Amino acid sequence: MVSRRALGRRALLGWPAVLALPGCGLHPLYASGESGAGPAQEGLGLISVAIIPDRAGQLLRQALQARFDHGDAPPEKRFDLAVSYKIASEGIGLQFDNTVTRIRFVGRASWTLVTREATRATVTTGNARAVDALNTFDQQYFAQDIETDTIQRRIAEGLADQITAQLAIFFEQHPA
């Protein structure tokens, strides 16, 4: 067991590292700038998300729009985000009679950010991947259907987080 005195010393030893962080150039990705929003927030606010087919695509588009719009969006968007999105499933839990007891869902999204100018120049591209699973053993059909819908939502949220982070880092490095 560690004494209180040893814990106090350890806490004191950690403070120089915490105090040195601002000097190393680290700063919050979504930090506010002079205009109220930082480069990442401003850049994300300039993006319009194109229609993504199917129900799963609608969920991903809604999740992306919720992350890009920060209330005081500019009147005109400067970029279009095109996303190609698929969810694949595979049985990973098999019984002796070949019945599937666990299904893994893998969502993959490839995205391209292009300008709205006449040239439609590609600004940046990227990929995102999210994985989830469900157990099918002794589940009724409607319960499994509801669980599948929940998984599609979780995958869409995870992919939206990844795409937003990738774009925020891009705009932080290349202010719009």
C-alpha atoms as a PDB file:
ATOM      1  CA  MET A   1       0.000   0.000   0.000  1.00  0.00           C
ATOM      2  CA  VAL A   2       1.246   3.452  -0.903  1.00  0.00           C
ATOM      3  CA  SER A   3       1.325   6.047   1.843  1.00  0.00           C
ATOM      4  CA  ARG A   4      -0.305   9.451   1.540  1.00  0.00           C
ATOM      5  CA  ARG A   5       3.076  11.072   1.724  1.00  0.00           C
ATOM      6  CA  ALA A   6       4.324   9.073  -1.292  1.00  0.00           C
ATOM      7  CA  LEU A   7       1.165   9.953  -3.231  1.00  0.00           C
ATOM      8  CA  GLY A   8       1.714  13.633  -2.451  1.00  0.00           C
ATOM      9  CA  ARG A   9       5.275  13.444  -3.762  1.00  0.00           C
ATOM     10  CA  ARG A  10       4.127  11.715  -6.943  1.00  0.00           C
ATOM     11  CA  ALA A  11       1.496  14.384  -7.512  1.00  0.00           C
ATOM     12  CA  LEU A  12       4.111  17.097  -7.019  1.00  0.00           C
ATOM     13  CA  LEU A  13       6.454  15.419  -9.500  1.00  0.00           C
ATOM     14  CA  GLY A  14       3.735  15.426 -12.188  1.00  0.00           C
ATOM     15  CA  TRP A  15       3.043  19.175 -12.063  1.00  0.00           C
ATOM     16  CA  PRO A  16       6.149  20.254 -14.051  1.00  0.00           C
ATOM     17  CA  ALA A  17       4.972  18.096 -16.959  1.00  0.00           C
ATOM     18  CA  VAL A  18       1.493  19.613 -16.843  1.00  0.00           C
ATOM     19  CA  LEU A  19       2.872  23.145 -16.643  1.00  0.00           C
ATOM     20  CA  ALA A  20       5.223  22.503 -19.599  1.00  0.00           C
ATOM     21  CA  LEU A  21       2.410  21.442 -21.975  1.00  0.00           C
ATOM     22  CA  PRO A  22       1.432  24.957 -23.128  1.00  0.00           C
ATOM     23  CA  GLY A  23       5.059  25.636 -24.036  1.00  0.00           C
ATOM     24  CA  CYS A  24       5.273  22.629 -26.357  1.00  0.00           C
ATOM     25  CA  GLY A  25       2.700  23.998 -28.811  1.00  0.00           C
ATOM     26  CA  LEU A  26      -0.210  21.760 -27.846  1.00  0.00           C
ATOM     27  CA  HIS A  27      -3.592  23.451 -27.946  1.00  0.00           C
ATOM     28  CA  PRO A  28      -7.210  22.322 -28.180  1.00  0.00           C
ATOM     29  CA  LEU A  29      -8.286  21.406 -31.713  1.00  0.00           C
ATOM     30  CA  TYR A  30     -11.526  23.356 -31.440  1.00  0.00           C
ATOM     31  CA  ALA A  31      -9.969  26.373 -29.679  1.00  0.00           C
ATOM     32  CA  SER A  32     -11.578  29.736 -30.275  1.00  0.00           C
ATOM     33  CA  GLY A  33      -9.719  32.338 -32.262  1.00  0.00           C
ATOM     34  CA  GLU A  34     -10.072  36.095 -32.545  1.00  0.00           C
ATOM     35  CA  SER A  35     -13.330  35.793 -34.508  1.00  0.00           C
ATOM     36  CA  GLY A  36     -14.909  33.481 -31.932  1.00  0.00           C
ATOM     37  CA  ALA A  37     -14.304  30.180 -33.736  1.00  0.00           C
ATOM     38  CA  GLY A  38     -10.967  28.534 -34.392  1.00  0.00           C
ATOM     39  CA  PRO A  39      -9.732  27.410 -37.833  1.00  0.00           C
ATOM     40  CA  ALA A  40     -11.155  23.916 -37.346  1.00  0.00           C
ATOM     41  CA  GLN A  41     -14.647  25.169 -36.440  1.00  0.00           C
ATOM     42  CA  GLU A  42     -14.637  27.751 -39.222  1.00  0.00           C
ATOM     43  CA  GLY A  43     -13.548  25.171 -41.800  1.00  0.00           C
ATOM     44  CA  LEU A  44     -16.130  22.615 -40.691  1.00  0.00           C
ATOM     45  CA  GLY A  45     -18.843  25.275 -40.912  1.00  0.00           C
ATOM     46  CA  LEU A  46     -17.999  25.806 -44.601  1.00  0.00           C
ATOM     47  CA  ILE A  47     -18.832  22.176 -45.551  1.00  0.00           C
ATOM     48  CA  SER A  48     -22.050  20.953 -47.125  1.00  0.00           C
ATOM     49  CA  VAL A  49     -22.601  17.183 -46.893  1.00  0.00           C
ATOM     50  CA  ALA A  50     -23.900  15.558 -50.082  1.00  0.00           C
ATOM     51  CA  ILE A  51     -26.766  13.064 -50.004  1.00  0.00           C
ATOM     52  CA  ILE A  52     -25.657   9.548 -48.998  1.00  0.00           C
ATOM     53  CA  PRO A  53     -27.976   6.768 -50.271  1.00  0.00           C
ATOM     54  CA  ASP A  54     -29.906   4.299 -48.071  1.00  0.00           C
ATOM     55  CA  ARG A  55     -31.056   4.572 -44.470  1.00  0.00           C
ATOM     56  CA  ALA A  56     -27.570   3.986 -43.064  1.00  0.00           C
ATOM     57  CA  GLY A  57     -26.277   6.795 -45.297  1.00  0.00           C
ATOM     58  CA  GLN A  58     -28.974   9.135 -44.007  1.00  0.00           C
ATOM     59  CA  LEU A  59     -27.871   8.414 -40.448  1.00  0.00           C
ATOM     60  CA  LEU A  60     -24.241   9.180 -41.322  1.00  0.00           C
ATOM     61  CA  ARG A  61     -25.189  12.401 -43.138  1.00  0.00           C
ATOM     62  CA  GLN A  62     -27.267  13.612 -40.174  1.00  0.00           C
ATOM     63  CA  ALA A  63     -24.420  12.828 -37.772  1.00  0.00           C
ATOM     64  CA  LEU A  64     -21.934  14.751 -39.940  1.00  0.00           C
ATOM     65  CA  GLN A  65     -24.238  17.762 -40.319  1.00  0.00           C
ATOM     66  CA  ALA A  66     -24.743  17.891 -36.553  1.00  0.00           C
ATOM     67  CA  ARG A  67     -20.971  18.063 -36.054  1.00  0.00           C
ATOM     68  CA  PHE A  68     -20.278  20.635 -38.794  1.00  0.00           C
ATOM     69  CA  ASP A  69     -22.994  23.169 -37.964  1.00  0.00           C
ATOM     70  CA  HIS A  70     -21.953  25.152 -34.895  1.00  0.00           C
ATOM     71  CA  GLY A  71     -24.784  27.643 -34.748  1.00  0.00           C
ATOM     72  CA  ASP A  72     -23.292  30.644 -36.524  1.00  0.00           C
ATOM     73  CA  ALA A  73     -22.634  28.965 -39.875  1.00  0.00           C
ATOM     74  CA  PRO A  74     -21.591  31.232 -42.750  1.00  0.00           C
ATOM     75  CA  PRO A  75     -24.319  32.089 -45.271  1.00  0.00           C
ATOM     76  CA  GLU A  76     -22.503  30.327 -48.110  1.00  0.00           C
ATOM     77  CA  LYS A  77     -20.774  26.944 -48.044  1.00  0.00           C
ATOM     78  CA  ARG A  78     -17.417  26.682 -49.826  1.00  0.00           C
ATOM     79  CA  PHE A  79     -16.907  22.900 -49.856  1.00  0.00           C
ATOM     80  CA  ASP A  80     -18.902  19.763 -50.672  1.00  0.00           C
ATOM     81  CA  LEU A  81     -18.230  16.518 -48.835  1.00  0.00           C
ATOM     82  CA  ALA A  82     -18.998  13.391 -50.861  1.00  0.00           C
ATOM     83  CA  VAL A  83     -19.094  10.164 -48.847  1.00  0.00           C
ATOM     84  CA  SER A  84     -19.176   6.585 -50.125  1.00  0.00           C
ATOM     85  CA  TYR A  85     -20.529   4.402 -47.304  1.00  0.00           C
ATOM     86  CA  LYS A  86     -21.100   0.670 -46.876  1.00  0.00           C
ATOM     87  CA  ILE A  87     -21.911  -1.609 -43.967  1.00  0.00           C
ATOM     88  CA  ALA A  88     -20.960  -5.273 -44.316  1.00  0.00           C
ATOM     89  CA  SER A  89     -21.902  -8.055 -41.916  1.00  0.00           C
ATOM     90  CA  GLU A  90     -20.453 -11.481 -41.264  1.00  0.00           C
ATOM     91  CA  GLY A  91     -21.213 -14.326 -38.911  1.00  0.00           C
ATOM     92  CA  ILE A  92     -18.405 -14.778 -36.423  1.00  0.00           C
ATOM     93  CA  GLY A  93     -20.017 -17.028 -33.809  1.00  0.00           C
ATOM     94  CA  LEU A  94     -20.990 -20.450 -35.145  1.00  0.00           C
ATOM     95  CA  GLN A  95     -22.495 -23.442 -33.383  1.00  0.00           C
ATOM     96  CA  PHE A  96     -22.007 -27.106 -34.310  1.00  0.00           C
ATOM     97  CA  ASP A  97     -25.153 -27.026 -36.478  1.00  0.00           C
ATOM     98  CA  ASN A  98     -23.816 -23.962 -38.412  1.00  0.00           C
ATOM     99  CA  THR A  99     -26.246 -21.493 -36.868  1.00  0.00           C
ATOM    100  CA  VAL A 100     -24.799 -18.026 -36.399  1.00  0.00           C
ATOM    101  CA  THR A 101     -24.833 -16.683 -32.838  1.00  0.00           C
ATOM    102  CA  ARG A 102     -22.836 -13.458 -33.325  1.00  0.00           C
ATOM    103  CA  ILE A 103     -22.762 -11.050 -36.249  1.00  0.00           C
ATOM    104  CA  ARG A 104     -20.033  -8.461 -36.799  1.00  0.00           C
ATOM    105  CA  PHE A 105     -20.893  -5.260 -38.671  1.00  0.00           C
ATOM    106  CA  VAL A 106     -18.103  -3.270 -40.332  1.00  0.00           C
ATOM    107  CA  GLY A 107     -18.862   0.235 -41.597  1.00  0.00           C
ATOM    108  CA  ARG A 108     -16.461   1.793 -44.087  1.00  0.00           C
ATOM    109  CA  ALA A 109     -16.610   5.327 -45.420  1.00  0.00           C
ATOM    110  CA  SER A 110     -14.418   6.924 -48.070  1.00  0.00           C
ATOM    111  CA  TRP A 111     -14.818  10.663 -48.329  1.00  0.00           C
ATOM    112  CA  THR A 112     -13.680  13.450 -50.624  1.00  0.00           C
ATOM    113  CA  LEU A 113     -13.788  17.170 -49.902  1.00  0.00           C
ATOM    114  CA  VAL A 114     -14.105  19.284 -53.068  1.00  0.00           C
ATOM    115  CA  THR A 115     -14.489  23.003 -53.675  1.00  0.00           C
ATOM    116  CA  ARG A 116     -17.769  24.446 -54.927  1.00  0.00           C
ATOM    117  CA  GLU A 117     -15.940  26.417 -57.600  1.00  0.00           C
ATOM    118  CA  ALA A 118     -16.388  25.576 -61.279  1.00  0.00           C
ATOM    119  CA  THR A 119     -13.186  23.496 -61.245  1.00  0.00           C
ATOM    120  CA  ARG A 120     -14.502  21.228 -58.420  1.00  0.00           C
ATOM    121  CA  ALA A 121     -10.919  20.754 -57.222  1.00  0.00           C
ATOM    122  CA  THR A 122     -10.304  18.004 -54.682  1.00  0.00           C
ATOM    123  CA  VAL A 123      -9.087  19.513 -51.415  1.00  0.00           C
ATOM    124  CA  THR A 124      -8.492  16.347 -49.371  1.00  0.00           C
ATOM    125  CA  THR A 125      -9.655  12.745 -49.052  1.00  0.00           C
ATOM    126  CA  GLY A 126      -9.782  10.143 -46.308  1.00  0.00           C
ATOM    127  CA  ASN A 127     -11.220   6.911 -44.969  1.00  0.00           C
ATOM    128  CA  ALA A 128     -12.950   5.873 -41.781  1.00  0.00           C
ATOM    129  CA  ARG A 129     -13.876   2.477 -40.340  1.00  0.00           C
ATOM    130  CA  ALA A 130     -16.082   1.407 -37.429  1.00  0.00           C
ATOM    131  CA  VAL A 131     -16.934  -2.058 -36.088  1.00  0.00           C
ATOM    132  CA  ASP A 132     -19.808  -3.307 -33.934  1.00  0.00           C
ATOM    133  CA  ALA A 133     -21.488  -6.657 -33.287  1.00  0.00           C
ATOM    134  CA  LEU A 134     -24.619  -8.284 -31.930  1.00  0.00           C
ATOM    135  CA  ASN A 135     -25.554 -11.662 -30.496  1.00  0.00           C
ATOM    136  CA  THR A 136     -28.390 -13.461 -32.280  1.00  0.00           C
ATOM    137  CA  PHE A 137     -28.753 -16.411 -29.933  1.00  0.00           C
ATOM    138  CA  ASP A 138     -32.358 -16.732 -28.715  1.00  0.00           C
ATOM    139  CA  GLN A 139     -33.372 -13.279 -29.960  1.00  0.00           C
ATOM    140  CA  GLN A 140     -36.726 -12.764 -31.541  1.00  0.00           C
ATOM    141  CA  TYR A 141     -36.739 -11.329 -35.034  1.00  0.00           C
ATOM    142  CA  PHE A 142     -38.079  -7.869 -34.111  1.00  0.00           C
ATOM    143  CA  ALA A 143     -35.555  -7.566 -31.259  1.00  0.00           C
ATOM    144  CA  GLN A 144     -32.725  -8.373 -33.643  1.00  0.00           C
ATOM    145  CA  ASP A 145     -34.109  -5.841 -36.149  1.00  0.00           C
ATOM    146  CA  ILE A 146     -34.177  -3.115 -33.488  1.00  0.00           C
ATOM    147  CA  GLU A 147     -30.640  -4.031 -32.400  1.00  0.00           C
ATOM    148  CA  THR A 148     -29.447  -3.860 -36.013  1.00  0.00           C
ATOM    149  CA  ASP A 149     -30.889  -0.342 -36.318  1.00  0.00           C
ATOM    150  CA  THR A 150     -29.094   0.657 -33.114  1.00  0.00           C
ATOM    151  CA  ILE A 151     -25.829  -0.729 -34.475  1.00  0.00           C
ATOM    152  CA  GLN A 152     -26.257   1.256 -37.697  1.00  0.00           C
ATOM    153  CA  ARG A 153     -26.669   4.403 -35.608  1.00  0.00           C
ATOM    154  CA  ARG A 154     -23.578   3.637 -33.493  1.00  0.00           C
ATOM    155  CA  ILE A 155     -21.484   2.930 -36.584  1.00  0.00           C
ATOM    156  CA  ALA A 156     -22.686   6.173 -38.211  1.00  0.00           C
ATOM    157  CA  GLU A 157     -21.791   8.138 -35.058  1.00  0.00           C
ATOM    158  CA  GLY A 158     -18.333   6.532 -34.886  1.00  0.00           C
ATOM    159  CA  LEU A 159     -17.616   7.224 -38.553  1.00  0.00           C
ATOM    160  CA  ALA A 160     -18.874  10.800 -38.214  1.00  0.00           C
ATOM    161  CA  ASP A 161     -16.515  11.333 -35.271  1.00  0.00           C
ATOM    162  CA  GLN A 162     -13.555  10.029 -37.286  1.00  0.00           C
ATOM    163  CA  ILE A 163     -14.372  12.057 -40.414  1.00  0.00           C
ATOM    164  CA  THR A 164     -14.937  15.214 -38.357  1.00  0.00           C
ATOM    165  CA  ALA A 165     -11.615  14.762 -36.548  1.00  0.00           C
ATOM    166  CA  GLN A 166      -9.753  14.210 -39.830  1.00  0.00           C
ATOM    167  CA  LEU A 167     -11.308  17.303 -41.386  1.00  0.00           C
ATOM    168  CA  ALA A 168     -10.742  19.404 -38.250  1.00  0.00           C
ATOM    169  CA  ILE A 169      -7.056  18.477 -38.283  1.00  0.00           C
ATOM    170  CA  PHE A 170      -6.869  19.373 -41.977  1.00  0.00           C
ATOM    171  CA  PHE A 171      -8.445  22.800 -41.393  1.00  0.00           C
ATOM    172  CA  GLU A 172      -6.217  23.384 -38.379  1.00  0.00           C
ATOM    173  CA  GLN A 173      -3.162  22.787 -40.580  1.00  0.00           C
ATOM    174  CA  HIS A 174      -4.630  24.604 -43.632  1.00  0.00           C
ATOM    175  CA  PRO A 175      -6.955  27.389 -42.428  1.00  0.00           C
ATOM    176  CA  ALA A 176      -9.786  28.079 -44.877  1.00  0.00           C
END
